[in-house]
Amino acid sequence: MIVVTGMPGSGKEEFLNVAMKIDIPFVRMGDIVRNEHATAGSTMSIGEFADAERKKHGYNIWAKRSIEKMHGDVFLVDGCRSMAEIEAFRSLSNNVLILGIHSPPKVRFQRLVERARSDAPTDLNEFNERDAREIRWGISEVIALADEMIVNDSSLEKFRKEAEILLKGIR
């Protein structure tokens, strides 16, 4: 199992595009959060909803809900944010590789604004608040303990090549 982590806008989605291209199945933890948010009809923001669910069901709730969707010999999970989630994945297998993707904050902010998703920050203050929330959840520890790290601070083409080399090497 390959567990991908990184701050919002670091390049996780592009990494998944490479995985898809070489037929590695994956689940986006963020998709599960968004689907649950919509199903619950919550009036909270998606981030607030994710946080409330963690507090109510445990900090590994999104990992547990992701596990239900996994299949195959090599499987990629996108969006891990805490060591509690890592431990949930390790309960399935001793063969869990943590992959961190790092990009500088200025680069990430610009990417988030440009992709214009519903959860995109409207200004730098909102971006910093989101980063602080992610860090409170424990993402910095997961990134620090990553088995592999890709720094995504130059061209998209270079990042995709690095991702493909790494994934083919694991496979």
N, C-alpha and C. Protein backbone atom coordinates (compact mmCIF):
# COMPACT_ATOMS: atom_id res chain seq x y z
N MET A 1 0.85 -1.17 0.00
CA MET A 1 0.00 0.00 0.00
C MET A 1 0.90 1.24 0.00
N ILE A 2 0.56 2.18 -0.84
CA ILE A 2 1.27 3.46 -0.91
C ILE A 2 0.31 4.51 -0.38
N VAL A 3 0.72 5.17 0.69
CA VAL A 3 -0.10 6.21 1.30
C VAL A 3 0.54 7.55 0.96
N VAL A 4 -0.19 8.38 0.24
CA VAL A 4 0.31 9.66 -0.22
C VAL A 4 -0.17 10.76 0.72
N THR A 5 0.77 11.61 1.11
CA THR A 5 0.45 12.73 1.97
C THR A 5 1.14 13.98 1.45
N GLY A 6 0.58 15.10 1.79
CA GLY A 6 1.16 16.39 1.40
C GLY A 6 0.15 17.47 1.69
N MET A 7 0.64 18.65 1.87
CA MET A 7 -0.24 19.79 2.15
C MET A 7 -1.11 20.06 0.93
N PRO A 8 -2.26 20.70 1.12
CA PRO A 8 -3.13 21.04 -0.01
C PRO A 8 -2.36 21.82 -1.09
N GLY A 9 -2.50 21.37 -2.33
CA GLY A 9 -1.84 22.03 -3.45
C GLY A 9 -0.42 21.56 -3.71
N SER A 10 0.01 20.52 -3.01
CA SER A 10 1.40 20.06 -3.17
C SER A 10 1.61 19.26 -4.45
N GLY A 11 0.54 18.68 -5.00
CA GLY A 11 0.66 17.90 -6.22
C GLY A 11 0.13 16.48 -6.11
N LYS A 12 -0.62 16.20 -5.07
CA LYS A 12 -1.16 14.85 -4.88
C LYS A 12 -2.04 14.42 -6.04
N GLU A 13 -2.87 15.34 -6.53
CA GLU A 13 -3.78 15.00 -7.64
C GLU A 13 -2.99 14.65 -8.90
N GLU A 14 -1.94 15.38 -9.18
CA GLU A 14 -1.10 15.06 -10.34
C GLU A 14 -0.42 13.71 -10.16
N PHE A 15 -0.03 13.41 -8.93
CA PHE A 15 0.56 12.11 -8.64
C PHE A 15 -0.45 11.00 -8.94
N LEU A 16 -1.70 11.22 -8.56
CA LEU A 16 -2.75 10.23 -8.85
C LEU A 16 -2.96 10.07 -10.35
N ASN A 17 -2.84 11.15 -11.09
CA ASN A 17 -2.97 11.06 -12.55
C ASN A 17 -1.91 10.13 -13.13
N VAL A 18 -0.70 10.21 -12.60
CA VAL A 18 0.38 9.32 -13.05
C VAL A 18 0.05 7.88 -12.66
N ALA A 19 -0.42 7.68 -11.44
CA ALA A 19 -0.79 6.33 -10.99
C ALA A 19 -1.87 5.74 -11.88
N MET A 20 -2.84 6.55 -12.23
CA MET A 20 -3.94 6.11 -13.09
C MET A 20 -3.39 5.69 -14.46
N LYS A 21 -2.46 6.46 -14.97
CA LYS A 21 -1.87 6.19 -16.28
C LYS A 21 -1.17 4.82 -16.32
N ILE A 22 -0.62 4.40 -15.17
CA ILE A 22 0.07 3.11 -15.16
C ILE A 22 -0.75 2.04 -14.40
N ASP A 23 -2.06 2.29 -14.33
CA ASP A 23 -3.03 1.32 -13.81
C ASP A 23 -2.82 0.89 -12.36
N ILE A 24 -2.47 1.85 -11.51
CA ILE A 24 -2.43 1.57 -10.07
C ILE A 24 -3.73 2.10 -9.48
N PRO A 25 -4.52 1.22 -8.86
CA PRO A 25 -5.80 1.67 -8.29
C PRO A 25 -5.57 2.56 -7.08
N PHE A 26 -6.52 3.46 -6.85
CA PHE A 26 -6.37 4.38 -5.72
C PHE A 26 -7.73 4.82 -5.20
N VAL A 27 -7.69 5.37 -4.01
CA VAL A 27 -8.85 6.02 -3.43
C VAL A 27 -8.39 7.37 -2.89
N ARG A 28 -9.22 8.37 -3.10
CA ARG A 28 -8.95 9.71 -2.55
C ARG A 28 -9.74 9.84 -1.26
N MET A 29 -9.04 10.02 -0.17
CA MET A 29 -9.74 10.21 1.11
C MET A 29 -10.61 11.45 1.04
N GLY A 30 -10.17 12.47 0.33
CA GLY A 30 -10.95 13.70 0.18
C GLY A 30 -12.28 13.46 -0.52
N ASP A 31 -12.31 12.54 -1.50
CA ASP A 31 -13.57 12.21 -2.16
C ASP A 31 -14.55 11.59 -1.17
N ILE A 32 -14.02 10.75 -0.29
CA ILE A 32 -14.87 10.11 0.71
C ILE A 32 -15.44 11.17 1.65
N VAL A 33 -14.60 12.11 2.06
CA VAL A 33 -15.06 13.20 2.93
C VAL A 33 -16.15 14.01 2.22
N ARG A 34 -15.90 14.40 0.96
CA ARG A 34 -16.88 15.20 0.22
C ARG A 34 -18.20 14.45 0.02
N ASN A 35 -18.12 13.15 -0.28
CA ASN A 35 -19.34 12.35 -0.45
C ASN A 35 -20.11 12.24 0.85
N GLU A 36 -19.43 11.98 1.94
CA GLU A 36 -20.09 11.88 3.25
C GLU A 36 -20.72 13.22 3.63
N HIS A 37 -20.01 14.31 3.35
CA HIS A 37 -20.52 15.66 3.64
C HIS A 37 -21.82 15.89 2.88
N ALA A 38 -21.84 15.55 1.60
CA ALA A 38 -23.03 15.74 0.78
C ALA A 38 -24.18 14.84 1.27
N THR A 39 -23.86 13.59 1.58
CA THR A 39 -24.88 12.65 2.05
C THR A 39 -25.50 13.10 3.37
N ALA A 40 -24.65 13.64 4.25
CA ALA A 40 -25.13 14.08 5.56
C ALA A 40 -25.95 15.37 5.46
N GLY A 41 -25.80 16.08 4.35
CA GLY A 41 -26.51 17.35 4.19
C GLY A 41 -26.03 18.39 5.20
N SER A 42 -24.79 18.29 5.55
CA SER A 42 -24.22 19.19 6.56
C SER A 42 -24.15 20.63 6.08
N THR A 43 -24.38 21.55 7.01
CA THR A 43 -24.24 22.97 6.70
C THR A 43 -22.84 23.47 7.03
N MET A 44 -22.02 22.60 7.65
CA MET A 44 -20.62 22.96 7.95
C MET A 44 -19.81 22.97 6.66
N SER A 45 -18.67 23.65 6.69
CA SER A 45 -17.74 23.54 5.56
C SER A 45 -17.22 22.11 5.53
N ILE A 46 -16.65 21.71 4.43
CA ILE A 46 -16.13 20.35 4.30
C ILE A 46 -15.04 20.11 5.35
N GLY A 47 -14.16 21.08 5.55
CA GLY A 47 -13.11 20.94 6.56
C GLY A 47 -13.66 20.81 7.97
N GLU A 48 -14.67 21.61 8.28
CA GLU A 48 -15.30 21.52 9.60
C GLU A 48 -15.97 20.17 9.79
N PHE A 49 -16.64 19.70 8.73
CA PHE A 49 -17.30 18.40 8.78
C PHE A 49 -16.27 17.28 9.01
N ALA A 50 -15.16 17.32 8.26
CA ALA A 50 -14.11 16.30 8.41
C ALA A 50 -13.58 16.30 9.84
N ASP A 51 -13.38 17.48 10.38
CA ASP A 51 -12.88 17.62 11.75
C ASP A 51 -13.90 17.08 12.76
N ALA A 52 -15.16 17.42 12.58
CA ALA A 52 -16.21 16.95 13.48
C ALA A 52 -16.31 15.43 13.46
N GLU A 53 -16.20 14.83 12.28
CA GLU A 53 -16.25 13.37 12.17
C GLU A 53 -15.05 12.73 12.88
N ARG A 54 -13.88 13.35 12.77
CA ARG A 54 -12.69 12.83 13.47
C ARG A 54 -12.92 12.87 14.98
N LYS A 55 -13.47 13.98 15.46
CA LYS A 55 -13.71 14.11 16.90
C LYS A 55 -14.76 13.13 17.39
N LYS A 56 -15.77 12.88 16.56
CA LYS A 56 -16.87 11.99 16.95
C LYS A 56 -16.50 10.51 16.86
N HIS A 57 -15.77 10.12 15.78
CA HIS A 57 -15.52 8.70 15.50
C HIS A 57 -14.06 8.27 15.66
N GLY A 58 -13.17 9.21 15.94
CA GLY A 58 -11.74 8.90 16.06
C GLY A 58 -10.95 9.47 14.88
N TYR A 59 -9.70 9.76 15.14
CA TYR A 59 -8.88 10.41 14.13
C TYR A 59 -8.52 9.51 12.96
N ASN A 60 -8.91 8.24 13.02
CA ASN A 60 -8.66 7.35 11.89
C ASN A 60 -9.92 7.05 11.08
N ILE A 61 -11.00 7.79 11.33
CA ILE A 61 -12.27 7.49 10.68
C ILE A 61 -12.20 7.53 9.15
N TRP A 62 -11.47 8.49 8.61
CA TRP A 62 -11.41 8.58 7.15
C TRP A 62 -10.58 7.45 6.56
N ALA A 63 -9.57 6.98 7.30
CA ALA A 63 -8.81 5.81 6.86
C ALA A 63 -9.71 4.58 6.87
N LYS A 64 -10.48 4.40 7.95
CA LYS A 64 -11.38 3.25 8.04
C LYS A 64 -12.38 3.25 6.89
N ARG A 65 -12.91 4.42 6.56
CA ARG A 65 -13.88 4.50 5.46
C ARG A 65 -13.20 4.28 4.11
N SER A 66 -11.91 4.61 4.01
CA SER A 66 -11.15 4.37 2.77
C SER A 66 -10.85 2.90 2.57
N ILE A 67 -10.55 2.21 3.66
CA ILE A 67 -10.19 0.80 3.59
C ILE A 67 -11.28 -0.01 2.90
N GLU A 68 -12.52 0.37 3.11
CA GLU A 68 -13.65 -0.34 2.49
C GLU A 68 -13.58 -0.31 0.97
N LYS A 69 -12.85 0.62 0.39
CA LYS A 69 -12.81 0.79 -1.06
C LYS A 69 -11.56 0.18 -1.70
N MET A 70 -10.68 -0.44 -0.92
CA MET A 70 -9.38 -0.91 -1.43
C MET A 70 -9.47 -2.29 -2.05
N HIS A 71 -8.62 -2.49 -3.09
CA HIS A 71 -8.49 -3.79 -3.75
C HIS A 71 -7.18 -3.84 -4.51
N GLY A 72 -6.70 -5.04 -4.82
CA GLY A 72 -5.50 -5.19 -5.63
C GLY A 72 -4.24 -5.40 -4.81
N ASP A 73 -3.17 -5.81 -5.52
CA ASP A 73 -1.88 -6.08 -4.88
C ASP A 73 -1.14 -4.80 -4.52
N VAL A 74 -1.22 -3.81 -5.38
CA VAL A 74 -0.64 -2.49 -5.12
C VAL A 74 -1.81 -1.52 -5.11
N PHE A 75 -1.90 -0.76 -4.06
CA PHE A 75 -3.01 0.17 -3.93
C PHE A 75 -2.50 1.48 -3.37
N LEU A 76 -3.02 2.58 -3.87
CA LEU A 76 -2.59 3.89 -3.46
C LEU A 76 -3.73 4.60 -2.73
N VAL A 77 -3.42 5.21 -1.61
CA VAL A 77 -4.39 5.98 -0.85
C VAL A 77 -3.90 7.43 -0.83
N ASP A 78 -4.75 8.33 -1.26
CA ASP A 78 -4.39 9.74 -1.32
C ASP A 78 -5.03 10.51 -0.18
N GLY A 79 -4.24 11.37 0.46
CA GLY A 79 -4.79 12.34 1.39
C GLY A 79 -4.67 12.00 2.86
N CYS A 80 -3.73 11.17 3.24
CA CYS A 80 -3.55 10.82 4.65
C CYS A 80 -3.08 12.05 5.42
N ARG A 81 -3.68 12.25 6.61
CA ARG A 81 -3.38 13.45 7.39
C ARG A 81 -2.95 13.20 8.82
N SER A 82 -2.85 11.94 9.24
CA SER A 82 -2.44 11.70 10.63
C SER A 82 -1.82 10.32 10.79
N MET A 83 -1.03 10.17 11.85
CA MET A 83 -0.45 8.87 12.14
C MET A 83 -1.53 7.88 12.58
N ALA A 84 -2.64 8.36 13.12
CA ALA A 84 -3.75 7.47 13.44
C ALA A 84 -4.27 6.80 12.17
N GLU A 85 -4.32 7.56 11.07
CA GLU A 85 -4.73 6.99 9.79
C GLU A 85 -3.69 5.99 9.30
N ILE A 86 -2.41 6.33 9.43
CA ILE A 86 -1.34 5.40 9.03
C ILE A 86 -1.49 4.08 9.80
N GLU A 87 -1.72 4.17 11.10
CA GLU A 87 -1.87 2.95 11.90
C GLU A 87 -3.07 2.13 11.45
N ALA A 88 -4.15 2.77 11.03
CA ALA A 88 -5.30 2.03 10.50
C ALA A 88 -4.90 1.26 9.24
N PHE A 89 -4.11 1.89 8.37
CA PHE A 89 -3.66 1.21 7.16
C PHE A 89 -2.69 0.07 7.51
N ARG A 90 -1.82 0.31 8.48
CA ARG A 90 -0.87 -0.73 8.88
C ARG A 90 -1.57 -1.92 9.54
N SER A 91 -2.79 -1.73 10.01
CA SER A 91 -3.53 -2.87 10.57
C SER A 91 -3.90 -3.87 9.47
N LEU A 92 -3.89 -3.42 8.22
CA LEU A 92 -4.17 -4.29 7.08
C LEU A 92 -2.93 -4.98 6.55
N SER A 93 -1.79 -4.28 6.64
CA SER A 93 -0.58 -4.77 6.02
C SER A 93 0.65 -4.17 6.69
N ASN A 94 1.71 -4.97 6.75
CA ASN A 94 2.99 -4.46 7.24
C ASN A 94 3.73 -3.72 6.13
N ASN A 95 3.23 -3.84 4.92
CA ASN A 95 3.88 -3.25 3.76
C ASN A 95 3.20 -1.95 3.35
N VAL A 96 3.36 -0.92 4.17
CA VAL A 96 2.78 0.40 3.92
C VAL A 96 3.91 1.38 3.70
N LEU A 97 3.95 1.98 2.52
CA LEU A 97 4.95 2.99 2.20
C LEU A 97 4.30 4.36 2.26
N ILE A 98 4.89 5.25 3.03
CA ILE A 98 4.38 6.62 3.11
C ILE A 98 5.17 7.48 2.12
N LEU A 99 4.46 8.12 1.23
CA LEU A 99 5.07 9.00 0.24
C LEU A 99 4.64 10.44 0.52
N GLY A 100 5.59 11.29 0.81
CA GLY A 100 5.30 12.70 1.02
C GLY A 100 5.56 13.49 -0.25
N ILE A 101 4.69 14.44 -0.52
CA ILE A 101 4.88 15.36 -1.63
C ILE A 101 4.96 16.76 -1.02
N HIS A 102 6.05 17.45 -1.32
CA HIS A 102 6.26 18.77 -0.74
C HIS A 102 6.35 19.83 -1.84
N SER A 103 5.68 20.95 -1.58
CA SER A 103 5.79 22.14 -2.43
C SER A 103 5.79 23.35 -1.52
N PRO A 104 6.51 24.40 -1.89
CA PRO A 104 6.54 25.61 -1.07
C PRO A 104 5.15 26.25 -0.96
N PRO A 105 4.87 26.91 0.16
CA PRO A 105 3.56 27.52 0.37
C PRO A 105 3.12 28.47 -0.74
N LYS A 106 4.00 29.32 -1.24
CA LYS A 106 3.60 30.26 -2.30
C LYS A 106 3.13 29.52 -3.55
N VAL A 107 3.81 28.45 -3.88
CA VAL A 107 3.44 27.64 -5.04
C VAL A 107 2.09 26.96 -4.80
N ARG A 108 1.92 26.39 -3.61
CA ARG A 108 0.66 25.72 -3.28
C ARG A 108 -0.53 26.69 -3.29
N PHE A 109 -0.34 27.87 -2.73
CA PHE A 109 -1.42 28.86 -2.70
C PHE A 109 -1.87 29.18 -4.14
N GLN A 110 -0.92 29.44 -5.01
CA GLN A 110 -1.25 29.77 -6.39
C GLN A 110 -2.00 28.62 -7.07
N ARG A 111 -1.54 27.40 -6.85
CA ARG A 111 -2.22 26.24 -7.45
C ARG A 111 -3.65 26.12 -6.96
N LEU A 112 -3.85 26.28 -5.66
CA LEU A 112 -5.19 26.16 -5.09
C LEU A 112 -6.14 27.21 -5.64
N VAL A 113 -5.66 28.42 -5.79
CA VAL A 113 -6.48 29.50 -6.34
C VAL A 113 -6.82 29.19 -7.79
N GLU A 114 -5.83 28.74 -8.56
CA GLU A 114 -6.04 28.47 -9.98
C GLU A 114 -6.99 27.29 -10.22
N ARG A 115 -6.96 26.26 -9.37
CA ARG A 115 -7.84 25.12 -9.62
C ARG A 115 -9.29 25.43 -9.24
N ALA A 116 -9.51 26.43 -8.43
CA ALA A 116 -10.85 26.99 -8.16
C ALA A 116 -11.88 25.96 -7.71
N ARG A 117 -11.45 24.98 -6.90
CA ARG A 117 -12.41 24.05 -6.32
C ARG A 117 -13.22 24.78 -5.26
N SER A 118 -14.30 24.16 -4.82
CA SER A 118 -15.17 24.81 -3.84
C SER A 118 -14.45 25.12 -2.53
N ASP A 119 -13.40 24.35 -2.22
CA ASP A 119 -12.67 24.57 -0.97
C ASP A 119 -11.40 25.40 -1.16
N ALA A 120 -11.25 26.02 -2.32
CA ALA A 120 -10.06 26.85 -2.59
C ALA A 120 -10.06 28.09 -1.70
N PRO A 121 -8.89 28.47 -1.19
CA PRO A 121 -8.83 29.68 -0.35
C PRO A 121 -9.11 30.93 -1.17
N THR A 122 -9.77 31.88 -0.53
CA THR A 122 -10.07 33.14 -1.22
C THR A 122 -8.96 34.16 -1.00
N ASP A 123 -8.14 33.94 0.03
CA ASP A 123 -7.03 34.84 0.30
C ASP A 123 -5.96 34.10 1.10
N LEU A 124 -4.84 34.79 1.33
CA LEU A 124 -3.71 34.17 2.02
C LEU A 124 -4.05 33.80 3.46
N ASN A 125 -4.87 34.59 4.12
CA ASN A 125 -5.25 34.30 5.49
C ASN A 125 -6.02 32.97 5.56
N GLU A 126 -6.96 32.78 4.66
CA GLU A 126 -7.73 31.53 4.61
C GLU A 126 -6.82 30.34 4.31
N PHE A 127 -5.86 30.55 3.41
CA PHE A 127 -4.87 29.52 3.08
C PHE A 127 -4.07 29.14 4.32
N ASN A 128 -3.60 30.11 5.06
CA ASN A 128 -2.81 29.85 6.27
C ASN A 128 -3.65 29.15 7.34
N GLU A 129 -4.93 29.52 7.45
CA GLU A 129 -5.82 28.85 8.40
C GLU A 129 -6.02 27.39 8.02
N ARG A 130 -6.14 27.12 6.73
CA ARG A 130 -6.30 25.74 6.28
C ARG A 130 -5.05 24.93 6.57
N ASP A 131 -3.89 25.51 6.30
CA ASP A 131 -2.63 24.83 6.61
C ASP A 131 -2.55 24.52 8.11
N ALA A 132 -2.93 25.49 8.94
CA ALA A 132 -2.88 25.30 10.40
C ALA A 132 -3.80 24.16 10.82
N ARG A 133 -4.98 24.07 10.20
CA ARG A 133 -5.92 22.98 10.51
C ARG A 133 -5.31 21.63 10.13
N GLU A 134 -4.70 21.57 8.95
CA GLU A 134 -4.08 20.32 8.49
C GLU A 134 -2.96 19.91 9.47
N ILE A 135 -2.19 20.86 9.91
CA ILE A 135 -1.11 20.58 10.85
C ILE A 135 -1.68 20.11 12.19
N ARG A 136 -2.77 20.71 12.65
CA ARG A 136 -3.42 20.25 13.89
C ARG A 136 -3.87 18.80 13.77
N TRP A 137 -4.31 18.40 12.59
CA TRP A 137 -4.75 17.03 12.39
C TRP A 137 -3.58 16.05 12.43
N GLY A 138 -2.36 16.53 12.21
CA GLY A 138 -1.18 15.68 12.29
C GLY A 138 -0.44 15.44 11.00
N ILE A 139 -0.78 16.17 9.95
CA ILE A 139 -0.16 15.92 8.65
C ILE A 139 1.35 16.17 8.66
N SER A 140 1.81 17.11 9.47
CA SER A 140 3.25 17.41 9.49
C SER A 140 4.05 16.21 9.99
N GLU A 141 3.50 15.47 10.94
CA GLU A 141 4.18 14.27 11.44
C GLU A 141 4.24 13.20 10.35
N VAL A 142 3.15 13.03 9.62
CA VAL A 142 3.13 12.02 8.54
C VAL A 142 4.15 12.41 7.47
N ILE A 143 4.19 13.67 7.10
CA ILE A 143 5.16 14.12 6.09
C ILE A 143 6.59 13.91 6.59
N ALA A 144 6.83 14.25 7.85
CA ALA A 144 8.18 14.11 8.42
C ALA A 144 8.62 12.65 8.47
N LEU A 145 7.68 11.73 8.61
CA LEU A 145 8.01 10.31 8.72
C LEU A 145 7.87 9.55 7.40
N ALA A 146 7.71 10.29 6.30
CA ALA A 146 7.55 9.65 4.99
C ALA A 146 8.76 8.80 4.64
N ASP A 147 8.48 7.65 4.00
CA ASP A 147 9.55 6.75 3.55
C ASP A 147 10.21 7.29 2.28
N GLU A 148 9.43 7.97 1.48
CA GLU A 148 9.90 8.58 0.22
C GLU A 148 9.35 9.99 0.17
N MET A 149 10.08 10.88 -0.51
CA MET A 149 9.64 12.27 -0.62
C MET A 149 9.92 12.76 -2.04
N ILE A 150 8.92 13.43 -2.60
CA ILE A 150 9.11 14.10 -3.88
C ILE A 150 8.91 15.60 -3.62
N VAL A 151 9.88 16.39 -4.06
CA VAL A 151 9.75 17.83 -3.95
C VAL A 151 9.22 18.32 -5.29
N ASN A 152 8.05 18.95 -5.24
CA ASN A 152 7.35 19.40 -6.44
C ASN A 152 7.42 20.92 -6.49
N ASP A 153 8.56 21.44 -6.95
CA ASP A 153 8.73 22.89 -6.98
C ASP A 153 9.20 23.41 -8.33
N SER A 154 9.14 22.55 -9.34
CA SER A 154 9.53 23.04 -10.67
C SER A 154 8.45 22.71 -11.68
N SER A 155 8.80 22.14 -12.79
CA SER A 155 7.81 21.92 -13.85
C SER A 155 6.93 20.70 -13.59
N LEU A 156 5.75 20.76 -14.14
CA LEU A 156 4.80 19.64 -14.04
C LEU A 156 5.37 18.41 -14.74
N GLU A 157 6.04 18.62 -15.86
CA GLU A 157 6.65 17.51 -16.60
C GLU A 157 7.69 16.79 -15.75
N LYS A 158 8.54 17.54 -15.05
CA LYS A 158 9.56 16.94 -14.20
C LYS A 158 8.90 16.15 -13.05
N PHE A 159 7.88 16.73 -12.45
CA PHE A 159 7.18 16.06 -11.35
C PHE A 159 6.56 14.76 -11.83
N ARG A 160 5.91 14.79 -12.98
CA ARG A 160 5.28 13.58 -13.50
C ARG A 160 6.30 12.48 -13.78
N LYS A 161 7.46 12.87 -14.31
CA LYS A 161 8.52 11.89 -14.57
C LYS A 161 9.02 11.26 -13.28
N GLU A 162 9.24 12.10 -12.25
CA GLU A 162 9.69 11.59 -10.96
C GLU A 162 8.65 10.65 -10.35
N ALA A 163 7.38 11.03 -10.46
CA ALA A 163 6.31 10.20 -9.92
C ALA A 163 6.25 8.85 -10.64
N GLU A 164 6.36 8.87 -11.94
CA GLU A 164 6.31 7.64 -12.72
C GLU A 164 7.48 6.71 -12.39
N ILE A 165 8.67 7.26 -12.28
CA ILE A 165 9.85 6.46 -11.93
C ILE A 165 9.66 5.83 -10.55
N LEU A 166 9.17 6.62 -9.60
CA LEU A 166 8.96 6.10 -8.25
C LEU A 166 7.90 4.99 -8.25
N LEU A 167 6.77 5.22 -8.89
CA LEU A 167 5.70 4.22 -8.91
C LEU A 167 6.10 2.94 -9.63
N LYS A 168 6.79 3.07 -10.74
CA LYS A 168 7.23 1.87 -11.47
C LYS A 168 8.25 1.10 -10.65
N GLY A 169 9.08 1.81 -9.90
CA GLY A 169 10.07 1.15 -9.03
C GLY A 169 9.40 0.38 -7.90
N ILE A 170 8.31 0.88 -7.39
CA ILE A 170 7.58 0.22 -6.32
C ILE A 170 6.83 -0.99 -6.85
N ARG A 171 6.24 -0.80 -8.01
CA ARG A 171 5.42 -1.86 -8.62
C ARG A 171 6.28 -3.03 -8.94
